[in-house]
Amino acid sequence: MVAIAMAEVLWPEPMTLEQWADMDEDEPGELVDGALVEEEVPTNLHELIVGWLIRVLGNWAAPRSGRVLGSSHKLGVSPRRGRKPDVTVYAPRSKVNWQASLSRVAPLLVVEVISRQARDVRRDRVEKLGDYARFGVRWYWLLDPEVRLLEVLELGADGRYTIALQASTERVAVPGCEGLELDLANLWREADEAAAEGSEESEPSTERGAS
């Protein structure tokens, strides 16, 4: 119950995986041990990075008949736990029911972009890591904008993740995704340019005109 203690419970009553799956797509929250708990509140930078990843991964996956989904996609990782990764990639011919509101099929990889809040760091690095490993997700990516670090974790035969790649600002070939290269320097350049544009926004004037 440590996970629930660190995240606010959004619904007072116990919830099944099916009830969570049937919630409106605009309703926030993930399912942890039958409780609907808050999920991270993303910043604009977080969403910019997620958008970059979806674009790059989508361009790689489409010719290979892979499928890339965004942060509203729900995974039923266990009978009482449901997660919504920032990015999910399914291998070709994955037996996903595309008409359903939840998937019980382990994807090829999931990505979490780490937020600054300590509880969100713990959620991504500890709680979700265990959930995705037990669910059988082969590759788990953690992207930390604060330190500009990409970690690619591979699920071993022992059911544990080990680090397959760590990269910061270089162009890298990604293990487990043949033909995929990530230009991390380009990602951080886009982030810096967006931040510079945002800093130029002026606050509304509070000066009163002469009456």
C-alpha atoms as a PDB file:
ATOM      1  CA  MET A   1       0.000   0.000   0.000  1.00  0.00           C
ATOM      2  CA  VAL A   2       3.026   2.330  -0.133  1.00  0.00           C
ATOM      3  CA  ALA A   3       2.139   3.395  -3.674  1.00  0.00           C
ATOM      4  CA  ILE A   4      -1.320   4.542  -2.624  1.00  0.00           C
ATOM      5  CA  ALA A   5       0.072   6.462   0.347  1.00  0.00           C
ATOM      6  CA  MET A   6       2.280   8.499  -1.968  1.00  0.00           C
ATOM      7  CA  ALA A   7      -0.442   9.373  -4.454  1.00  0.00           C
ATOM      8  CA  GLU A   8      -3.819  10.924  -3.736  1.00  0.00           C
ATOM      9  CA  VAL A   9      -6.772   8.558  -3.990  1.00  0.00           C
ATOM     10  CA  LEU A  10      -9.266  10.061  -6.441  1.00  0.00           C
ATOM     11  CA  TRP A  11     -12.214   7.731  -5.812  1.00  0.00           C
ATOM     12  CA  PRO A  12     -13.345   6.581  -2.359  1.00  0.00           C
ATOM     13  CA  GLU A  13     -14.677   3.173  -3.406  1.00  0.00           C
ATOM     14  CA  PRO A  14     -12.719   0.145  -4.667  1.00  0.00           C
ATOM     15  CA  MET A  15     -12.656  -0.082  -8.449  1.00  0.00           C
ATOM     16  CA  THR A  16     -12.270  -3.020 -10.794  1.00  0.00           C
ATOM     17  CA  LEU A  17     -10.051  -3.010 -13.845  1.00  0.00           C
ATOM     18  CA  GLU A  18     -13.168  -3.099 -16.030  1.00  0.00           C
ATOM     19  CA  GLN A  19     -14.649  -0.047 -14.281  1.00  0.00           C
ATOM     20  CA  TRP A  20     -11.386   1.828 -14.725  1.00  0.00           C
ATOM     21  CA  ALA A  21     -11.268   0.878 -18.402  1.00  0.00           C
ATOM     22  CA  ASP A  22     -14.828   2.174 -18.929  1.00  0.00           C
ATOM     23  CA  MET A  23     -14.147   5.592 -17.424  1.00  0.00           C
ATOM     24  CA  ASP A  24     -14.363   8.570 -19.755  1.00  0.00           C
ATOM     25  CA  GLU A  25     -11.064   9.208 -21.530  1.00  0.00           C
ATOM     26  CA  ASP A  26     -10.902  12.684 -19.992  1.00  0.00           C
ATOM     27  CA  GLU A  27     -11.038  11.300 -16.448  1.00  0.00           C
ATOM     28  CA  PRO A  28      -7.540  11.174 -14.895  1.00  0.00           C
ATOM     29  CA  GLY A  29      -6.040   8.454 -12.758  1.00  0.00           C
ATOM     30  CA  GLU A  30      -4.384   5.055 -12.742  1.00  0.00           C
ATOM     31  CA  LEU A  31      -5.520   1.931 -10.928  1.00  0.00           C
ATOM     32  CA  VAL A  32      -3.272   0.735  -8.084  1.00  0.00           C
ATOM     33  CA  ASP A  33      -4.397  -2.236  -5.984  1.00  0.00           C
ATOM     34  CA  GLY A  34      -8.035  -1.508  -6.797  1.00  0.00           C
ATOM     35  CA  ALA A  35      -7.833   2.206  -5.951  1.00  0.00           C
ATOM     36  CA  LEU A  36      -8.041   5.044  -8.460  1.00  0.00           C
ATOM     37  CA  VAL A  37      -5.021   7.251  -7.744  1.00  0.00           C
ATOM     38  CA  GLU A  38      -3.765  10.476  -9.226  1.00  0.00           C
ATOM     39  CA  GLU A  39      -1.349  10.441 -12.119  1.00  0.00           C
ATOM     40  CA  GLU A  40       1.335  12.983 -12.840  1.00  0.00           C
ATOM     41  CA  VAL A  41       0.347  16.448 -14.036  1.00  0.00           C
ATOM     42  CA  PRO A  42       2.481  16.986 -17.140  1.00  0.00           C
ATOM     43  CA  THR A  43       4.188  20.262 -17.971  1.00  0.00           C
ATOM     44  CA  ASN A  44       4.224  21.717 -21.464  1.00  0.00           C
ATOM     45  CA  LEU A  45       7.848  20.552 -21.804  1.00  0.00           C
ATOM     46  CA  HIS A  46       6.815  17.028 -20.830  1.00  0.00           C
ATOM     47  CA  GLU A  47       4.175  16.984 -23.558  1.00  0.00           C
ATOM     48  CA  LEU A  48       6.580  18.443 -26.131  1.00  0.00           C
ATOM     49  CA  ILE A  49       8.989  15.565 -25.440  1.00  0.00           C
ATOM     50  CA  VAL A  50       6.185  13.002 -25.602  1.00  0.00           C
ATOM     51  CA  GLY A  51       5.113  14.456 -28.943  1.00  0.00           C
ATOM     52  CA  TRP A  52       8.683  14.217 -30.258  1.00  0.00           C
ATOM     53  CA  LEU A  53       8.901  10.570 -29.199  1.00  0.00           C
ATOM     54  CA  ILE A  54       5.568   9.680 -30.790  1.00  0.00           C
ATOM     55  CA  ARG A  55       6.651  11.342 -34.031  1.00  0.00           C
ATOM     56  CA  VAL A  56      10.026   9.583 -34.178  1.00  0.00           C
ATOM     57  CA  LEU A  57       8.735   6.200 -33.031  1.00  0.00           C
ATOM     58  CA  GLY A  58       5.749   6.457 -35.367  1.00  0.00           C
ATOM     59  CA  ASN A  59       7.987   7.117 -38.366  1.00  0.00           C
ATOM     60  CA  TRP A  60      10.040   4.058 -37.428  1.00  0.00           C
ATOM     61  CA  ALA A  61       7.126   1.735 -36.616  1.00  0.00           C
ATOM     62  CA  ALA A  62       4.743   2.496 -39.502  1.00  0.00           C
ATOM     63  CA  PRO A  63       6.767   0.824 -42.304  1.00  0.00           C
ATOM     64  CA  ARG A  64       7.191  -2.217 -40.027  1.00  0.00           C
ATOM     65  CA  SER A  65       3.450  -2.462 -39.217  1.00  0.00           C
ATOM     66  CA  GLY A  66       4.072  -1.520 -35.592  1.00  0.00           C
ATOM     67  CA  ARG A  67       1.629   0.651 -33.640  1.00  0.00           C
ATOM     68  CA  VAL A  68       2.416   3.689 -31.482  1.00  0.00           C
ATOM     69  CA  LEU A  69      -0.064   5.066 -28.923  1.00  0.00           C
ATOM     70  CA  GLY A  70      -0.096   8.087 -26.642  1.00  0.00           C
ATOM     71  CA  SER A  71      -0.725   8.727 -22.970  1.00  0.00           C
ATOM     72  CA  SER A  72      -4.472   7.982 -22.946  1.00  0.00           C
ATOM     73  CA  HIS A  73      -3.858   4.314 -23.752  1.00  0.00           C
ATOM     74  CA  LYS A  74      -4.704   2.033 -20.828  1.00  0.00           C
ATOM     75  CA  LEU A  75      -2.809  -1.143 -19.965  1.00  0.00           C
ATOM     76  CA  GLY A  76      -4.296  -3.736 -17.638  1.00  0.00           C
ATOM     77  CA  VAL A  77      -0.968  -4.819 -16.173  1.00  0.00           C
ATOM     78  CA  SER A  78      -2.579  -7.093 -13.535  1.00  0.00           C
ATOM     79  CA  PRO A  79      -6.114  -7.894 -12.301  1.00  0.00           C
ATOM     80  CA  ARG A  80      -6.101  -4.866  -9.947  1.00  0.00           C
ATOM     81  CA  ARG A  81      -3.605  -2.528 -11.599  1.00  0.00           C
ATOM     82  CA  GLY A  82      -3.896  -0.308 -14.653  1.00  0.00           C
ATOM     83  CA  ARG A  83      -1.263   2.021 -16.060  1.00  0.00           C
ATOM     84  CA  LYS A  84      -1.150   4.708 -18.759  1.00  0.00           C
ATOM     85  CA  PRO A  85       2.400   5.045 -20.164  1.00  0.00           C
ATOM     86  CA  ASP A  86       3.421   8.250 -21.896  1.00  0.00           C
ATOM     87  CA  VAL A  87       4.136   6.245 -25.078  1.00  0.00           C
ATOM     88  CA  THR A  88       3.327   2.632 -25.949  1.00  0.00           C
ATOM     89  CA  VAL A  89       4.666   0.690 -28.932  1.00  0.00           C
ATOM     90  CA  TYR A  90       3.199  -2.612 -30.102  1.00  0.00           C
ATOM     91  CA  ALA A  91       5.101  -5.049 -32.281  1.00  0.00           C
ATOM     92  CA  PRO A  92       3.611  -6.097 -35.637  1.00  0.00           C
ATOM     93  CA  ARG A  93       0.726  -8.567 -35.408  1.00  0.00           C
ATOM     94  CA  SER A  94       0.161  -7.985 -31.701  1.00  0.00           C
ATOM     95  CA  LYS A  95      -3.213  -9.436 -30.721  1.00  0.00           C
ATOM     96  CA  VAL A  96      -4.661  -6.184 -29.423  1.00  0.00           C
ATOM     97  CA  ASN A  97      -8.428  -5.672 -29.420  1.00  0.00           C
ATOM     98  CA  TRP A  98      -8.502  -2.230 -31.016  1.00  0.00           C
ATOM     99  CA  GLN A  99     -12.208  -1.780 -30.214  1.00  0.00           C
ATOM    100  CA  ALA A 100     -11.617  -2.161 -26.470  1.00  0.00           C
ATOM    101  CA  SER A 101     -10.847   0.638 -24.031  1.00  0.00           C
ATOM    102  CA  LEU A 102      -8.034  -1.314 -22.364  1.00  0.00           C
ATOM    103  CA  SER A 103      -5.286  -3.687 -23.486  1.00  0.00           C
ATOM    104  CA  ARG A 104      -4.145  -6.805 -21.654  1.00  0.00           C
ATOM    105  CA  VAL A 105      -1.453  -7.502 -24.275  1.00  0.00           C
ATOM    106  CA  ALA A 106       2.114  -6.653 -23.276  1.00  0.00           C
ATOM    107  CA  PRO A 107       3.553  -4.116 -25.749  1.00  0.00           C
ATOM    108  CA  LEU A 108       7.053  -4.231 -27.194  1.00  0.00           C
ATOM    109  CA  LEU A 109       8.046  -1.136 -25.252  1.00  0.00           C
ATOM    110  CA  VAL A 110       6.718   1.646 -23.083  1.00  0.00           C
ATOM    111  CA  VAL A 111       8.179   5.065 -22.386  1.00  0.00           C
ATOM    112  CA  GLU A 112       7.849   7.237 -19.299  1.00  0.00           C
ATOM    113  CA  VAL A 113       9.080  10.839 -19.357  1.00  0.00           C
ATOM    114  CA  ILE A 114      10.110  11.559 -15.787  1.00  0.00           C
ATOM    115  CA  SER A 115       8.621  14.593 -14.061  1.00  0.00           C
ATOM    116  CA  ARG A 116      10.261  16.677 -11.334  1.00  0.00           C
ATOM    117  CA  GLN A 117       7.991  15.692  -8.451  1.00  0.00           C
ATOM    118  CA  ALA A 118       9.630  13.157  -6.127  1.00  0.00           C
ATOM    119  CA  ARG A 119       6.489  11.016  -6.052  1.00  0.00           C
ATOM    120  CA  ASP A 120       6.454  10.893  -9.863  1.00  0.00           C
ATOM    121  CA  VAL A 121      10.123   9.872  -9.983  1.00  0.00           C
ATOM    122  CA  ARG A 122       9.393   7.050  -7.545  1.00  0.00           C
ATOM    123  CA  ARG A 123       6.313   6.023  -9.500  1.00  0.00           C
ATOM    124  CA  ASP A 124       8.272   5.706 -12.770  1.00  0.00           C
ATOM    125  CA  ARG A 125      11.502   4.258 -11.384  1.00  0.00           C
ATOM    126  CA  VAL A 126      10.104   1.880  -8.768  1.00  0.00           C
ATOM    127  CA  GLU A 127       6.372   1.212  -8.973  1.00  0.00           C
ATOM    128  CA  LYS A 128       5.840   1.190 -12.734  1.00  0.00           C
ATOM    129  CA  LEU A 129       9.125  -0.615 -13.277  1.00  0.00           C
ATOM    130  CA  GLY A 130       7.790  -3.543 -11.247  1.00  0.00           C
ATOM    131  CA  ASP A 131       4.374  -3.398 -12.915  1.00  0.00           C
ATOM    132  CA  TYR A 132       5.790  -3.429 -16.439  1.00  0.00           C
ATOM    133  CA  ALA A 133       8.233  -6.218 -15.618  1.00  0.00           C
ATOM    134  CA  ARG A 134       5.490  -8.478 -14.242  1.00  0.00           C
ATOM    135  CA  PHE A 135       3.306  -7.634 -17.247  1.00  0.00           C
ATOM    136  CA  GLY A 136       6.093  -8.746 -19.599  1.00  0.00           C
ATOM    137  CA  VAL A 137       6.998  -5.476 -21.350  1.00  0.00           C
ATOM    138  CA  ARG A 138      10.291  -6.298 -23.076  1.00  0.00           C
ATOM    139  CA  TRP A 139      11.717  -2.772 -23.197  1.00  0.00           C
ATOM    140  CA  TYR A 140      11.165   0.071 -20.743  1.00  0.00           C
ATOM    141  CA  TRP A 141      12.488   3.529 -21.588  1.00  0.00           C
ATOM    142  CA  LEU A 142      12.968   6.242 -18.987  1.00  0.00           C
ATOM    143  CA  LEU A 143      13.645   9.726 -20.321  1.00  0.00           C
ATOM    144  CA  ASP A 144      14.689  12.335 -17.763  1.00  0.00           C
ATOM    145  CA  PRO A 145      14.578  15.904 -19.127  1.00  0.00           C
ATOM    146  CA  GLU A 146      16.095  17.316 -15.934  1.00  0.00           C
ATOM    147  CA  VAL A 147      19.450  15.557 -16.421  1.00  0.00           C
ATOM    148  CA  ARG A 148      18.924  14.892 -20.154  1.00  0.00           C
ATOM    149  CA  LEU A 149      19.334  11.156 -19.875  1.00  0.00           C
ATOM    150  CA  LEU A 150      17.713   8.288 -21.763  1.00  0.00           C
ATOM    151  CA  GLU A 151      17.795   4.864 -20.135  1.00  0.00           C
ATOM    152  CA  VAL A 152      16.704   1.810 -22.086  1.00  0.00           C
ATOM    153  CA  LEU A 153      15.956  -1.156 -19.823  1.00  0.00           C
ATOM    154  CA  GLU A 154      15.624  -4.719 -21.095  1.00  0.00           C
ATOM    155  CA  LEU A 155      13.554  -7.398 -19.384  1.00  0.00           C
ATOM    156  CA  GLY A 156      15.651 -10.481 -18.683  1.00  0.00           C
ATOM    157  CA  ALA A 157      14.696 -14.127 -18.329  1.00  0.00           C
ATOM    158  CA  ASP A 158      14.669 -13.632 -14.550  1.00  0.00           C
ATOM    159  CA  GLY A 159      11.848 -11.084 -14.847  1.00  0.00           C
ATOM    160  CA  ARG A 160      14.073  -8.129 -13.948  1.00  0.00           C
ATOM    161  CA  TYR A 161      15.122  -5.107 -15.946  1.00  0.00           C
ATOM    162  CA  THR A 162      18.769  -4.370 -16.669  1.00  0.00           C
ATOM    163  CA  ILE A 163      20.218  -1.284 -18.350  1.00  0.00           C
ATOM    164  CA  ALA A 164      20.826  -1.900 -22.048  1.00  0.00           C
ATOM    165  CA  LEU A 165      21.632   1.708 -22.954  1.00  0.00           C
ATOM    166  CA  GLN A 166      22.264   5.064 -21.337  1.00  0.00           C
ATOM    167  CA  ALA A 167      22.616   8.106 -23.569  1.00  0.00           C
ATOM    168  CA  SER A 168      22.514  11.853 -23.147  1.00  0.00           C
ATOM    169  CA  THR A 169      23.073  14.137 -26.124  1.00  0.00           C
ATOM    170  CA  GLU A 170      24.402  11.851 -28.835  1.00  0.00           C
ATOM    171  CA  ARG A 171      22.767  10.069 -31.757  1.00  0.00           C
ATOM    172  CA  VAL A 172      22.199   6.456 -30.735  1.00  0.00           C
ATOM    173  CA  ALA A 173      21.016   3.191 -32.239  1.00  0.00           C
ATOM    174  CA  VAL A 174      18.368   1.830 -29.895  1.00  0.00           C
ATOM    175  CA  PRO A 175      18.587  -1.828 -28.823  1.00  0.00           C
ATOM    176  CA  GLY A 176      15.494  -3.878 -29.516  1.00  0.00           C
ATOM    177  CA  CYS A 177      14.384  -1.570 -32.336  1.00  0.00           C
ATOM    178  CA  GLU A 178      16.340  -2.493 -35.441  1.00  0.00           C
ATOM    179  CA  GLY A 179      16.899   0.501 -37.696  1.00  0.00           C
ATOM    180  CA  LEU A 180      15.838   3.062 -35.099  1.00  0.00           C
ATOM    181  CA  GLU A 181      18.209   5.897 -34.260  1.00  0.00           C
ATOM    182  CA  LEU A 182      17.397   8.671 -31.813  1.00  0.00           C
ATOM    183  CA  ASP A 183      18.999  12.061 -32.301  1.00  0.00           C
ATOM    184  CA  LEU A 184      18.921  13.206 -28.690  1.00  0.00           C
ATOM    185  CA  ALA A 185      20.774  16.411 -29.522  1.00  0.00           C
ATOM    186  CA  ASN A 186      17.874  17.318 -31.801  1.00  0.00           C
ATOM    187  CA  LEU A 187      15.372  16.593 -29.035  1.00  0.00           C
ATOM    188  CA  TRP A 188      17.104  18.865 -26.529  1.00  0.00           C
ATOM    189  CA  ARG A 189      17.564  21.563 -29.175  1.00  0.00           C
ATOM    190  CA  GLU A 190      13.804  21.557 -29.792  1.00  0.00           C
ATOM    191  CA  ALA A 191      13.189  21.723 -26.039  1.00  0.00           C
ATOM    192  CA  ASP A 192      15.598  24.646 -25.638  1.00  0.00           C
ATOM    193  CA  GLU A 193      14.078  26.531 -28.557  1.00  0.00           C
ATOM    194  CA  ALA A 194      10.593  26.065 -27.130  1.00  0.00           C
ATOM    195  CA  ALA A 195      11.779  27.255 -23.715  1.00  0.00           C
ATOM    196  CA  ALA A 196      13.359  30.348 -25.265  1.00  0.00           C
ATOM    197  CA  GLU A 197      10.155  31.149 -27.118  1.00  0.00           C
ATOM    198  CA  GLY A 198       8.169  30.787 -23.926  1.00  0.00           C
ATOM    199  CA  SER A 199      10.465  33.109 -21.996  1.00  0.00           C
ATOM    200  CA  GLU A 200       9.645  35.872 -24.468  1.00  0.00           C
ATOM    201  CA  GLU A 201       5.978  35.833 -23.516  1.00  0.00           C
ATOM    202  CA  SER A 202       5.104  38.984 -21.623  1.00  0.00           C
ATOM    203  CA  GLU A 203       2.807  39.125 -18.645  1.00  0.00           C
ATOM    204  CA  PRO A 204      -0.433  41.055 -19.127  1.00  0.00           C
ATOM    205  CA  SER A 205       0.013  44.671 -18.143  1.00  0.00           C
ATOM    206  CA  THR A 206      -1.395  45.636 -14.777  1.00  0.00           C
ATOM    207  CA  GLU A 207      -1.006  49.375 -15.330  1.00  0.00           C
ATOM    208  CA  ARG A 208      -4.201  51.374 -15.319  1.00  0.00           C
ATOM    209  CA  GLY A 209      -4.825  54.015 -17.894  1.00  0.00           C
ATOM    210  CA  ALA A 210      -5.500  57.576 -16.848  1.00  0.00           C
ATOM    211  CA  SER A 211      -9.136  58.183 -16.124  1.00  0.00           C
END
